[in-house]
């Protein structure tokens, strides 16, 4: 099993707190050197892939660096050390127009870059000599607090690093990026006794029961509202309390959970009781969470489904748009406009043009309906 993601069910809402107990494998250098290279088929099929036009210069460099080493760990460590010592860290780099291969320029000419380039170079160099590797992205450890054992992780701690597969141990991370501390693994495992602090249970005291109250309305209250009976006073109090409670609930929702809807509450209740969430409810919530341009881009997914070409969830928007353009050349212009606005909405500070995206989406839907009608009425293929 290759675990890629852990998902909370029911999903976490704003303000929720969760704690995780994890047992992490931390193999020693000797254990990794002795792990061997009997890789599962799913590893070799997925994590030894290289581009068809992969640079022979980079492969030759990987073989030169690892010459004289026998184990996968020693070869990975040698490439890691080479990148840390020979490549200078730079938060931003530029490429000349004549640069054909960015990684060749990074490794042989400029010799400067940031984590994406370090990690990509090591992954491809390892794959080129038969060692399964992958690129992982996430965050570096951040800044440790001096008051308590906590780390503050910020956006500036975004990071990429290579991971190498070792039989028995799975994916093991390496750190070639020059501005990060090296990952030094011990030669032997230190056995430590974990002491669990005594935590005596504290009995909970039962709350004190309220004293019995007189059912009769005090004379002062009766004289103040002589026109209301005891029952009417209770009813008015309940109504006023309900109004105040509803107002407080509205205020708290707008203040702390502006995106929470009744549908979210219903789904959360269903999941907490262990029931199966209806597909229509999940679909509705997923749709409501999309931005206007993301909703417009659904026209591409809808069109692919209508023509019998639904795509798996891992297929990127660009790949979906490219497939639809091949199937419907007449809608290629609208598809390209919609894809550009979708990418601008996700990745650029200016965002996307909602009106242009919607016009393109309607054009795509029209072209899809027209094509379907031709198939049905005229029997076109």
Protein backbone atom coordinates (compact mmCIF):
# COMPACT_ATOMS: atom_id res chain seq x y z
CA UNK A 1 0.00 0.00 0.00
CA UNK A 2 1.28 3.46 -0.91
CA UNK A 3 -0.40 5.90 1.46
CA UNK A 4 -0.77 9.28 -0.24
CA UNK A 5 -3.30 11.11 1.93
CA UNK A 6 -5.14 10.89 5.25
CA UNK A 7 -8.65 12.31 5.17
CA UNK A 8 -10.75 13.28 8.18
CA UNK A 9 -14.30 11.90 8.31
CA UNK A 10 -16.31 13.90 9.17
CA UNK A 11 -14.30 16.73 7.63
CA UNK A 12 -12.64 19.30 9.87
CA UNK A 13 -14.34 22.66 10.19
CA UNK A 14 -12.80 26.03 11.00
CA UNK A 15 -11.76 26.07 14.64
CA UNK A 16 -11.60 22.28 15.04
CA UNK A 17 -8.58 20.82 16.80
CA UNK A 18 -7.15 17.37 16.16
CA UNK A 19 -4.28 15.36 17.62
CA UNK A 20 -2.38 12.51 16.00
CA UNK A 21 -0.24 9.78 17.51
CA UNK A 22 2.13 8.40 14.88
CA UNK A 23 4.88 5.80 14.79
CA UNK A 24 7.42 6.91 12.20
CA UNK A 25 10.06 4.59 10.77
CA UNK A 26 13.55 6.05 11.25
CA UNK A 27 15.92 3.40 9.86
CA UNK A 28 19.65 3.63 10.42
CA UNK A 29 22.25 3.88 7.68
CA UNK A 30 23.21 0.24 8.13
CA UNK A 31 19.58 -0.89 7.86
CA UNK A 32 19.11 1.08 4.63
CA UNK A 33 22.39 -0.20 3.21
CA UNK A 34 21.21 -3.76 3.86
CA UNK A 35 17.65 -3.22 2.56
CA UNK A 36 18.50 -4.57 -0.89
CA UNK A 37 16.84 -3.70 -4.20
CA UNK A 38 13.97 -6.20 -4.43
CA UNK A 39 11.37 -3.58 -5.37
CA UNK A 40 7.64 -4.32 -5.75
CA UNK A 41 6.28 -4.17 -9.28
CA UNK A 42 4.11 -1.12 -8.53
CA UNK A 43 7.26 0.75 -7.47
CA UNK A 44 9.31 -0.07 -10.56
CA UNK A 45 6.40 0.66 -12.91
CA UNK A 46 5.64 4.07 -11.41
CA UNK A 47 8.86 5.45 -9.96
CA UNK A 48 11.52 4.62 -12.54
CA UNK A 49 9.87 6.58 -15.34
CA UNK A 50 11.97 9.10 -17.26
CA UNK A 51 11.16 11.52 -20.10
CA UNK A 52 11.79 10.08 -23.56
CA UNK A 53 14.32 12.83 -24.27
CA UNK A 54 16.06 12.60 -20.88
CA UNK A 55 19.48 14.23 -20.88
CA UNK A 56 22.38 11.77 -21.31
CA UNK A 57 24.66 14.36 -19.64
CA UNK A 58 22.62 14.17 -16.42
CA UNK A 59 22.63 10.36 -16.49
CA UNK A 60 26.39 10.36 -17.04
CA UNK A 61 26.83 12.73 -14.09
CA UNK A 62 24.73 10.46 -11.86
CA UNK A 63 26.88 7.44 -12.82
CA UNK A 64 30.08 9.41 -12.23
CA UNK A 65 28.96 10.54 -8.76
CA UNK A 66 27.85 7.06 -7.67
CA UNK A 67 30.78 5.16 -9.15
CA UNK A 68 32.34 2.98 -6.50
CA UNK A 69 29.16 2.68 -4.39
CA UNK A 70 27.23 -0.57 -4.23
CA UNK A 71 24.01 0.11 -2.29
CA UNK A 72 21.06 2.28 -3.22
CA UNK A 73 21.43 4.22 0.03
CA UNK A 74 25.10 5.06 -0.58
CA UNK A 75 24.33 6.17 -4.14
CA UNK A 76 21.44 8.38 -2.97
CA UNK A 77 23.61 9.84 -0.20
CA UNK A 78 26.41 10.57 -2.70
CA UNK A 79 24.09 12.44 -5.07
CA UNK A 80 22.58 14.32 -2.10
CA UNK A 81 26.02 15.41 -0.90
CA UNK A 82 27.05 16.44 -4.43
CA UNK A 83 24.04 18.71 -4.81
CA UNK A 84 24.53 20.23 -1.33
CA UNK A 85 28.19 21.07 -2.00
CA UNK A 86 28.26 21.86 -5.72
CA UNK A 87 24.99 23.78 -6.15
CA UNK A 88 24.44 27.16 -4.49
CA UNK A 89 21.01 27.90 -3.02
CA UNK A 90 19.20 30.87 -4.57
CA UNK A 91 15.56 31.84 -3.86
CA UNK A 92 15.00 32.79 -7.52
CA UNK A 93 16.76 32.09 -10.81
CA UNK A 94 16.30 33.06 -14.44
CA UNK A 95 17.02 31.08 -17.58
CA UNK A 96 18.52 32.47 -20.80
CA UNK A 97 16.43 32.05 -23.92
CA UNK A 98 18.94 29.65 -25.44
CA UNK A 99 18.76 27.24 -22.47
CA UNK A 100 17.19 24.04 -23.82
CA UNK A 101 17.10 21.80 -20.74
CA UNK A 102 16.43 23.62 -17.42
CA UNK A 103 18.00 20.85 -15.33
CA UNK A 104 21.13 20.80 -17.50
CA UNK A 105 21.42 24.56 -17.03
CA UNK A 106 20.87 24.12 -13.28
CA UNK A 107 23.49 21.36 -12.91
CA UNK A 108 26.23 22.34 -15.38
CA UNK A 109 26.09 26.07 -16.06
CA UNK A 110 24.27 28.25 -13.54
CA UNK A 111 24.72 25.88 -10.56
CA UNK A 112 22.17 27.86 -8.55
CA UNK A 113 18.57 27.14 -7.64
CA UNK A 114 16.00 26.44 -4.97
CA UNK A 115 14.33 23.31 -3.56
CA UNK A 116 12.24 22.41 -6.64
CA UNK A 117 15.38 22.16 -8.76
CA UNK A 118 17.43 20.29 -6.14
CA UNK A 119 14.65 17.73 -5.60
CA UNK A 120 13.81 17.28 -9.30
CA UNK A 121 17.48 16.82 -10.19
CA UNK A 122 18.04 14.16 -7.52
CA UNK A 123 14.86 12.25 -8.38
CA UNK A 124 15.71 12.04 -12.08
CA UNK A 125 19.39 11.26 -11.46
CA UNK A 126 18.43 8.37 -9.16
CA UNK A 127 15.84 7.02 -11.59
CA UNK A 128 18.40 7.15 -14.40
CA UNK A 129 20.60 4.66 -12.48
CA UNK A 130 17.71 2.35 -11.53
CA UNK A 131 16.79 3.61 -8.05
CA UNK A 132 13.07 4.36 -7.51
CA UNK A 133 12.53 7.93 -6.33
CA UNK A 134 9.75 10.47 -6.12
CA UNK A 135 9.38 14.20 -5.46
CA UNK A 136 7.47 15.17 -2.32
CA UNK A 137 6.12 18.62 -1.57
CA UNK A 138 4.94 20.15 1.67
CA UNK A 139 6.59 22.22 4.38
CA UNK A 140 9.94 22.30 6.10
CA UNK A 141 9.87 22.06 9.90
CA UNK A 142 9.57 25.82 10.42
CA UNK A 143 10.71 27.75 13.47
CA UNK A 144 10.87 26.15 16.90
CA UNK A 145 9.42 28.00 19.87
CA UNK A 146 11.72 28.77 22.81
CA UNK A 147 8.89 28.45 25.32
CA UNK A 148 7.42 25.08 24.35
CA UNK A 149 8.09 22.16 21.97
CA UNK A 150 6.04 23.63 19.15
CA UNK A 151 6.98 24.69 15.63
CA UNK A 152 5.57 27.67 13.77
CA UNK A 153 5.20 26.79 10.08
CA UNK A 154 4.56 29.62 7.63
CA UNK A 155 4.04 29.95 3.89
CA UNK A 156 7.74 30.76 3.49
CA UNK A 157 8.48 27.20 4.72
CA UNK A 158 6.98 25.62 1.58
CA UNK A 159 9.46 22.97 0.48
CA UNK A 160 10.16 20.12 -1.95
CA UNK A 161 12.45 17.15 -1.35
CA UNK A 162 13.25 13.72 -2.87
CA UNK A 163 12.22 10.40 -1.35
CA UNK A 164 13.79 7.03 -2.17
CA UNK A 165 12.04 3.69 -1.86
CA UNK A 166 13.69 0.99 0.27
CA UNK A 167 12.25 -2.52 0.63
CA UNK A 168 10.80 -3.17 4.11
CA UNK A 169 11.03 0.52 5.07
CA UNK A 170 9.14 2.28 2.27
CA UNK A 171 9.82 5.89 1.34
CA UNK A 172 12.80 7.55 3.01
CA UNK A 173 13.46 11.26 2.62
CA UNK A 174 16.76 12.92 1.64
CA UNK A 175 17.70 16.60 1.82
CA UNK A 176 19.83 17.97 -1.05
CA UNK A 177 18.71 21.63 -0.75
CA UNK A 178 21.57 23.79 0.46
CA UNK A 179 19.64 26.11 2.78
CA UNK A 180 18.18 23.22 4.83
CA UNK A 181 19.91 21.29 7.58
CA UNK A 182 21.29 17.91 6.39
CA UNK A 183 19.52 14.70 7.41
CA UNK A 184 22.09 12.71 9.34
CA UNK A 185 21.07 9.14 10.08
CA UNK A 186 22.74 7.22 12.94
CA UNK A 187 24.92 4.20 12.31
CA UNK A 188 23.14 2.14 14.97
CA UNK A 189 19.79 2.39 16.68
CA UNK A 190 19.74 3.79 20.19
CA UNK A 191 17.27 1.94 22.37
CA UNK A 192 15.38 4.33 24.58
CA UNK A 193 12.95 3.59 27.35
CA UNK A 194 9.83 5.67 27.00
CA UNK A 195 8.42 6.64 30.35
CA UNK A 196 4.74 7.39 30.48
CA UNK A 197 3.99 10.05 33.11
CA UNK A 198 1.49 9.09 35.76
CA UNK A 199 -1.83 10.63 35.03
CA UNK A 200 -4.18 9.80 37.88
CA UNK A 201 -7.79 9.97 36.92
CA UNK A 202 -9.69 12.81 38.47
CA UNK A 203 -13.29 11.91 39.37
CA UNK A 204 -15.80 14.29 37.96
CA UNK A 205 -18.05 15.90 40.50
CA UNK A 206 -21.72 15.80 39.74
CA UNK A 207 -23.11 19.30 39.24
CA UNK A 208 -25.17 20.62 42.08
CA UNK A 209 -28.89 20.35 41.42
CA UNK A 210 -30.82 23.61 41.53
CA UNK A 211 -32.93 24.18 44.56
CA UNK A 212 -36.63 23.62 44.21
CA UNK A 213 -38.32 26.84 43.21
CA UNK A 214 -41.70 28.07 44.18
CA UNK A 215 -44.11 27.59 41.34
CA UNK A 216 -46.01 30.70 42.32
CA UNK A 217 -45.03 34.01 40.74
CA UNK A 218 -43.62 36.42 43.34
CA UNK A 219 -45.98 39.17 44.34
CA UNK A 220 -43.64 41.87 42.98
CA UNK A 221 -43.68 40.28 39.51
CA UNK A 222 -47.40 39.80 39.62
CA UNK A 223 -47.93 43.43 40.51
CA UNK A 224 -45.55 44.52 37.70
CA UNK A 225 -47.39 42.55 34.95
CA UNK A 226 -50.89 42.11 36.32
CA UNK A 227 -52.30 41.43 32.84
CA UNK A 228 -50.26 38.20 32.27
CA UNK A 229 -50.90 34.87 33.87
CA UNK A 230 -48.15 32.56 35.06
CA UNK A 231 -48.41 30.42 31.91
CA UNK A 232 -48.25 33.48 29.66
CA UNK A 233 -45.16 34.76 31.44
CA UNK A 234 -43.45 31.41 30.82
CA UNK A 235 -44.44 31.43 27.14
CA UNK A 236 -43.16 34.98 26.62
CA UNK A 237 -39.89 34.08 28.35
CA UNK A 238 -39.42 31.03 26.12
CA UNK A 239 -40.11 33.05 22.96
CA UNK A 240 -37.69 35.82 23.97
CA UNK A 241 -35.05 33.26 24.91
CA UNK A 242 -35.47 31.52 21.54
CA UNK A 243 -35.12 34.83 19.68
CA UNK A 244 -31.95 35.71 21.60
CA UNK A 245 -30.53 32.23 21.06
CA UNK A 246 -31.23 32.39 17.31
CA UNK A 247 -29.63 35.84 17.08
CA UNK A 248 -26.57 34.59 18.95
CA UNK A 249 -26.33 31.56 16.65
CA UNK A 250 -26.49 33.79 13.54
CA UNK A 251 -23.80 36.10 14.94
CA UNK A 252 -21.48 33.25 15.90
CA UNK A 253 -21.92 31.56 12.52
CA UNK A 254 -21.10 34.76 10.61
CA UNK A 255 -18.17 35.44 12.90
CA UNK A 256 -16.55 32.00 13.19
CA UNK A 257 -18.05 29.78 10.44
CA UNK A 258 -19.20 31.93 7.52
CA UNK A 259 -19.03 29.02 5.06
CA UNK A 260 -21.00 26.58 7.22
CA UNK A 261 -24.43 25.77 5.77
CA UNK A 262 -27.36 23.63 6.83
CA UNK A 263 -26.25 21.06 4.28
CA UNK A 264 -22.84 20.85 5.99
CA UNK A 265 -24.53 20.31 9.35
CA UNK A 266 -26.73 17.57 7.87
CA UNK A 267 -23.76 15.77 6.32
CA UNK A 268 -21.73 16.07 9.52
CA UNK A 269 -24.62 14.61 11.52
CA UNK A 270 -24.99 11.71 9.06
CA UNK A 271 -21.27 10.92 9.18
CA UNK A 272 -21.02 11.14 12.96
CA UNK A 273 -23.78 8.53 13.22
CA UNK A 274 -21.96 6.19 10.85
CA UNK A 275 -24.53 6.44 8.06
CA UNK A 276 -23.75 6.67 4.37
CA UNK A 277 -23.95 10.19 2.98
CA UNK A 278 -26.27 10.44 -0.06
CA UNK A 279 -24.42 11.05 -3.30
CA UNK A 280 -26.67 14.00 -4.17
CA UNK A 281 -25.75 15.72 -0.89
CA UNK A 282 -22.02 15.29 -1.48
CA UNK A 283 -22.39 16.53 -5.04
CA UNK A 284 -24.32 19.60 -3.91
CA UNK A 285 -21.77 20.49 -1.24
CA UNK A 286 -18.87 20.00 -3.65
CA UNK A 287 -20.59 22.25 -6.18
CA UNK A 288 -21.26 24.98 -3.60
CA UNK A 289 -17.57 24.99 -2.60
CA UNK A 290 -16.41 25.78 -6.16
CA UNK A 291 -15.58 29.28 -7.33
CA UNK A 292 -17.62 30.72 -10.26
CA UNK A 293 -14.81 29.92 -12.71
CA UNK A 294 -14.37 26.40 -11.34
CA UNK A 295 -18.10 25.88 -11.89
CA UNK A 296 -17.73 27.13 -15.44
CA UNK A 297 -14.90 24.65 -16.02
CA UNK A 298 -17.27 21.82 -15.14
CA UNK A 299 -18.60 22.25 -18.68
CA UNK A 300 -15.46 20.43 -19.84
CA UNK A 301 -16.08 17.53 -17.45
CA UNK A 302 -19.78 17.41 -18.35
CA UNK A 303 -18.98 17.34 -22.07
CA UNK A 304 -16.49 14.50 -21.62
CA UNK A 305 -19.10 12.49 -19.71
CA UNK A 306 -21.80 13.15 -22.31
CA UNK A 307 -19.62 11.77 -25.08
CA UNK A 308 -18.62 8.72 -23.07
CA UNK A 309 -15.11 9.87 -22.12
CA UNK A 310 -15.28 10.52 -18.34
CA UNK A 311 -11.86 11.12 -16.80
CA UNK A 312 -10.33 9.80 -13.58
CA UNK A 313 -9.90 12.26 -10.71
CA UNK A 314 -6.10 12.45 -11.12
CA UNK A 315 -6.32 13.75 -14.72
CA UNK A 316 -5.39 17.44 -14.67
CA UNK A 317 -7.62 20.23 -16.05
CA UNK A 318 -5.10 20.88 -18.83
CA UNK A 319 -5.22 17.22 -19.89
CA UNK A 320 -9.01 17.23 -19.87
CA UNK A 321 -9.13 20.41 -21.97
CA UNK A 322 -6.60 18.98 -24.43
CA UNK A 323 -8.66 15.82 -24.88
CA UNK A 324 -11.87 17.77 -25.47
CA UNK A 325 -10.16 20.00 -28.04
CA UNK A 326 -9.11 16.91 -29.99
CA UNK A 327 -12.68 15.61 -29.91
CA UNK A 328 -14.37 18.97 -30.68
CA UNK A 329 -12.02 21.11 -32.83
CA UNK A 330 -14.86 23.60 -33.39
CA UNK A 331 -14.86 24.44 -29.67
CA UNK A 332 -11.05 24.62 -29.37
CA UNK A 333 -11.02 28.41 -29.01
CA UNK A 334 -13.64 28.41 -26.24
CA UNK A 335 -11.89 25.54 -24.45
CA UNK A 336 -8.56 27.40 -24.54
CA UNK A 337 -10.16 30.58 -23.16
CA UNK A 338 -11.84 28.64 -20.35
CA UNK A 339 -8.60 26.81 -19.47
CA UNK A 340 -6.62 30.07 -19.36
CA UNK A 341 -9.18 31.74 -17.08
CA UNK A 342 -9.30 28.64 -14.86
CA UNK A 343 -5.52 28.60 -14.44
CA UNK A 344 -5.43 32.36 -13.83
CA UNK A 345 -8.11 31.97 -11.17
CA UNK A 346 -6.11 29.27 -9.38
CA UNK A 347 -2.53 30.42 -9.77
CA UNK A 348 -2.27 34.12 -10.60
CA UNK A 349 -2.75 37.12 -8.29
CA UNK A 350 -5.09 38.83 -10.76
CA UNK A 351 -7.59 35.96 -10.79
CA UNK A 352 -9.74 35.07 -13.77
CA UNK A 353 -12.45 36.76 -15.84
CA UNK A 354 -15.74 35.21 -14.71
CA UNK A 355 -17.76 36.59 -17.66
CA UNK A 356 -15.30 35.25 -20.23
CA UNK A 357 -15.22 31.87 -18.52
CA UNK A 358 -19.02 31.61 -18.47
CA UNK A 359 -19.35 32.60 -22.14
CA UNK A 360 -16.76 29.98 -23.08
CA UNK A 361 -18.53 27.35 -20.94
CA UNK A 362 -21.89 27.96 -22.66
CA UNK A 363 -20.16 27.74 -26.05
CA UNK A 364 -18.64 24.37 -25.08
CA UNK A 365 -21.98 23.01 -23.85
CA UNK A 366 -23.66 24.19 -27.08
CA UNK A 367 -21.00 22.46 -29.20
CA UNK A 368 -21.40 19.26 -27.16
CA UNK A 369 -25.20 19.24 -27.53
CA UNK A 370 -24.86 19.95 -31.25
CA UNK A 371 -22.43 17.04 -31.65
CA UNK A 372 -24.71 14.70 -29.69
CA UNK A 373 -27.71 15.65 -31.82
CA UNK A 374 -25.75 14.93 -35.00
CA UNK A 375 -24.90 11.49 -33.66
CA UNK A 376 -28.49 10.75 -32.64
CA UNK A 377 -30.29 12.23 -35.66
CA UNK A 378 -27.85 11.71 -38.51
CA UNK A 379 -25.93 8.75 -37.16
CA UNK A 380 -22.58 10.54 -37.46
CA UNK A 381 -19.66 9.01 -35.67
